[in-house]
Every structure is written in structure tokens, then in C-alpha cells.
């Protein structure tokens, strides 16, 4: 499971499970002033940290049944994206 750290709990706007692995993820809204990617394309930040390791978050576009997660950037500065099928998507706001 991958939850937002304590200092970010108030910013969480939803949660979902990765359908392939059953892992839960919290997500929050992306901050326009702090983003190298267009917020219109990647309006979310998915937390990928755990209780044992703080890996931070990834830019994402979370939809109803899929999430597009930015894993890295290529040599041209373009995002490398992975598509996740998701389930149990709950929004809080």
C-alpha cells in the first residue's frame, strides 16, 4: 500500500487500487507553480511512498478506471507514461 505522508493527508483528494496488484494509492491535486508538466495533462500527484520507504509521488492523470502515471522523462524531456487499470476509485472532494 502507498499512502500520503502525514504532512500531506489534508491534500489527499482520492484513493484507488492498482487492478493488477491490488495496491492502494492516495492522490492529490497537482500544484501548477511546482510542476514541470502541464497541469491540464497531469492534474494529479499519486503518492508512491510506503511506511518503510519514502519514494515521494509521481505526476498522474487519474480517471475513473485508469490512471496514467509518469514514471520518468526521456532524453528529450518528454514524460514516460505507464497506464494502470484501477478499481475501487474513491474521491473525497
C-alpha atoms as a PDB file:
ATOM      1  CA  UNK A   1       0.000   0.000   0.000  1.00  0.00           C
ATOM      2  CA  UNK A   2       1.157   3.513  -0.696  1.00  0.00           C
ATOM      3  CA  UNK A   3      -0.351   6.307   1.319  1.00  0.00           C
ATOM      4  CA  UNK A   4       0.352  10.025   1.504  1.00  0.00           C
ATOM      5  CA  UNK A   5       2.685  11.004   4.343  1.00  0.00           C
ATOM      6  CA  UNK A   6       1.184  12.574   7.437  1.00  0.00           C
ATOM      7  CA  UNK A   7       2.061  16.113   6.378  1.00  0.00           C
ATOM      8  CA  UNK A   8       0.111  15.657   3.104  1.00  0.00           C
ATOM      9  CA  UNK A   9      -3.026  13.900   4.381  1.00  0.00           C
ATOM     10  CA  UNK A  10      -5.122  17.083   4.233  1.00  0.00           C
ATOM     11  CA  UNK A  11      -4.355  17.468   0.498  1.00  0.00           C
ATOM     12  CA  UNK A  12      -5.491  13.940  -0.489  1.00  0.00           C
ATOM     13  CA  UNK A  13      -8.481  14.101  -2.843  1.00  0.00           C
ATOM     14  CA  UNK A  14      -8.876  10.388  -3.587  1.00  0.00           C
ATOM     15  CA  UNK A  15      -7.627   6.834  -3.460  1.00  0.00           C
ATOM     16  CA  UNK A  16      -7.643   3.825  -5.773  1.00  0.00           C
ATOM     17  CA  UNK A  17      -6.250   0.309  -6.157  1.00  0.00           C
ATOM     18  CA  UNK A  18      -3.992  -0.863  -8.943  1.00  0.00           C
ATOM     19  CA  UNK A  19      -6.090  -3.614 -10.524  1.00  0.00           C
ATOM     20  CA  UNK A  20      -3.104  -5.845 -11.400  1.00  0.00           C
ATOM     21  CA  UNK A  21      -1.535  -5.832  -7.926  1.00  0.00           C
ATOM     22  CA  UNK A  22      -4.307  -4.736  -5.550  1.00  0.00           C
ATOM     23  CA  UNK A  23      -2.076  -1.995  -4.116  1.00  0.00           C
ATOM     24  CA  UNK A  24      -3.817   1.129  -2.786  1.00  0.00           C
ATOM     25  CA  UNK A  25      -2.642   4.633  -3.697  1.00  0.00           C
ATOM     26  CA  UNK A  26      -3.600   8.084  -2.395  1.00  0.00           C
ATOM     27  CA  UNK A  27      -3.513  11.072  -4.720  1.00  0.00           C
ATOM     28  CA  UNK A  28      -3.759  14.840  -4.523  1.00  0.00           C
ATOM     29  CA  UNK A  29      -4.162  17.726  -6.951  1.00  0.00           C
ATOM     30  CA  UNK A  30      -1.043  18.817  -8.819  1.00  0.00           C
ATOM     31  CA  UNK A  31       0.299  22.269  -7.944  1.00  0.00           C
ATOM     32  CA  UNK A  32       0.681  24.419 -11.102  1.00  0.00           C
ATOM     33  CA  UNK A  33       3.554  26.541  -9.764  1.00  0.00           C
ATOM     34  CA  UNK A  34       5.527  23.457  -8.755  1.00  0.00           C
ATOM     35  CA  UNK A  35       5.067  21.303 -11.861  1.00  0.00           C
ATOM     36  CA  UNK A  36       7.376  20.767 -14.856  1.00  0.00           C
ATOM     37  CA  UNK A  37       4.464  19.152 -16.721  1.00  0.00           C
ATOM     38  CA  UNK A  38       1.236  20.868 -17.822  1.00  0.00           C
ATOM     39  CA  UNK A  39      -1.323  20.513 -15.047  1.00  0.00           C
ATOM     40  CA  UNK A  40      -4.046  20.211 -17.684  1.00  0.00           C
ATOM     41  CA  UNK A  41      -2.426  16.918 -18.851  1.00  0.00           C
ATOM     42  CA  UNK A  42      -1.325  15.685 -15.403  1.00  0.00           C
ATOM     43  CA  UNK A  43      -3.690  17.195 -12.824  1.00  0.00           C
ATOM     44  CA  UNK A  44      -2.724  14.786 -10.030  1.00  0.00           C
ATOM     45  CA  UNK A  45       0.159  13.569  -7.889  1.00  0.00           C
ATOM     46  CA  UNK A  46      -0.010   9.908  -6.880  1.00  0.00           C
ATOM     47  CA  UNK A  47       1.847   9.044  -3.690  1.00  0.00           C
ATOM     48  CA  UNK A  48       4.191   6.093  -4.149  1.00  0.00           C
ATOM     49  CA  UNK A  49       5.780   6.095  -0.712  1.00  0.00           C
ATOM     50  CA  UNK A  50       5.212   3.406   1.888  1.00  0.00           C
ATOM     51  CA  UNK A  51       5.666   3.031   5.631  1.00  0.00           C
ATOM     52  CA  UNK A  52       9.163   1.647   5.052  1.00  0.00           C
ATOM     53  CA  UNK A  53      10.468   3.786   2.207  1.00  0.00           C
ATOM     54  CA  UNK A  54       9.717   7.357   1.170  1.00  0.00           C
ATOM     55  CA  UNK A  55       9.691   7.407  -2.624  1.00  0.00           C
ATOM     56  CA  UNK A  56       7.604  10.564  -2.911  1.00  0.00           C
ATOM     57  CA  UNK A  57       4.984  10.951  -5.614  1.00  0.00           C
ATOM     58  CA  UNK A  58       4.542  10.746  -9.379  1.00  0.00           C
ATOM     59  CA  UNK A  59       2.679  13.058 -11.743  1.00  0.00           C
ATOM     60  CA  UNK A  60      -0.503  11.416 -12.990  1.00  0.00           C
ATOM     61  CA  UNK A  61      -3.875  11.726 -14.627  1.00  0.00           C
ATOM     62  CA  UNK A  62      -6.320   9.639 -12.584  1.00  0.00           C
ATOM     63  CA  UNK A  63      -9.565   8.834 -14.342  1.00  0.00           C
ATOM     64  CA  UNK A  64     -12.483   6.599 -13.357  1.00  0.00           C
ATOM     65  CA  UNK A  65     -10.983   3.225 -14.348  1.00  0.00           C
ATOM     66  CA  UNK A  66      -7.421   4.045 -15.467  1.00  0.00           C
ATOM     67  CA  UNK A  67      -4.513   6.137 -14.236  1.00  0.00           C
ATOM     68  CA  UNK A  68      -1.707   7.460 -16.430  1.00  0.00           C
ATOM     69  CA  UNK A  69       1.406   7.587 -14.245  1.00  0.00           C
ATOM     70  CA  UNK A  70       4.557   9.494 -15.241  1.00  0.00           C
ATOM     71  CA  UNK A  71       7.487   7.234 -14.405  1.00  0.00           C
ATOM     72  CA  UNK A  72      10.369   9.265 -15.786  1.00  0.00           C
ATOM     73  CA  UNK A  73      11.334  11.566 -18.610  1.00  0.00           C
ATOM     74  CA  UNK A  74      13.113  10.588 -21.818  1.00  0.00           C
ATOM     75  CA  UNK A  75      16.244  12.182 -23.309  1.00  0.00           C
ATOM     76  CA  UNK A  76      14.055  14.874 -24.918  1.00  0.00           C
ATOM     77  CA  UNK A  77      12.351  15.850 -21.650  1.00  0.00           C
ATOM     78  CA  UNK A  78       9.084  14.139 -22.567  1.00  0.00           C
ATOM     79  CA  UNK A  79       7.241  12.112 -19.916  1.00  0.00           C
ATOM     80  CA  UNK A  80       7.480   8.317 -19.927  1.00  0.00           C
ATOM     81  CA  UNK A  81       3.983   7.121 -19.029  1.00  0.00           C
ATOM     82  CA  UNK A  82       2.574   3.852 -17.735  1.00  0.00           C
ATOM     83  CA  UNK A  83      -1.151   3.103 -17.940  1.00  0.00           C
ATOM     84  CA  UNK A  84      -2.645   1.377 -14.891  1.00  0.00           C
ATOM     85  CA  UNK A  85      -6.075  -0.211 -14.774  1.00  0.00           C
ATOM     86  CA  UNK A  86      -7.592   0.791 -11.444  1.00  0.00           C
ATOM     87  CA  UNK A  87     -10.505  -0.241  -9.232  1.00  0.00           C
ATOM     88  CA  UNK A  88     -12.174   0.920  -6.005  1.00  0.00           C
ATOM     89  CA  UNK A  89     -11.640   4.560  -7.040  1.00  0.00           C
ATOM     90  CA  UNK A  90     -12.946   6.866  -4.335  1.00  0.00           C
ATOM     91  CA  UNK A  91     -12.851  10.660  -4.464  1.00  0.00           C
ATOM     92  CA  UNK A  92     -13.113  12.744  -1.311  1.00  0.00           C
ATOM     93  CA  UNK A  93     -13.695  16.146  -2.917  1.00  0.00           C
END
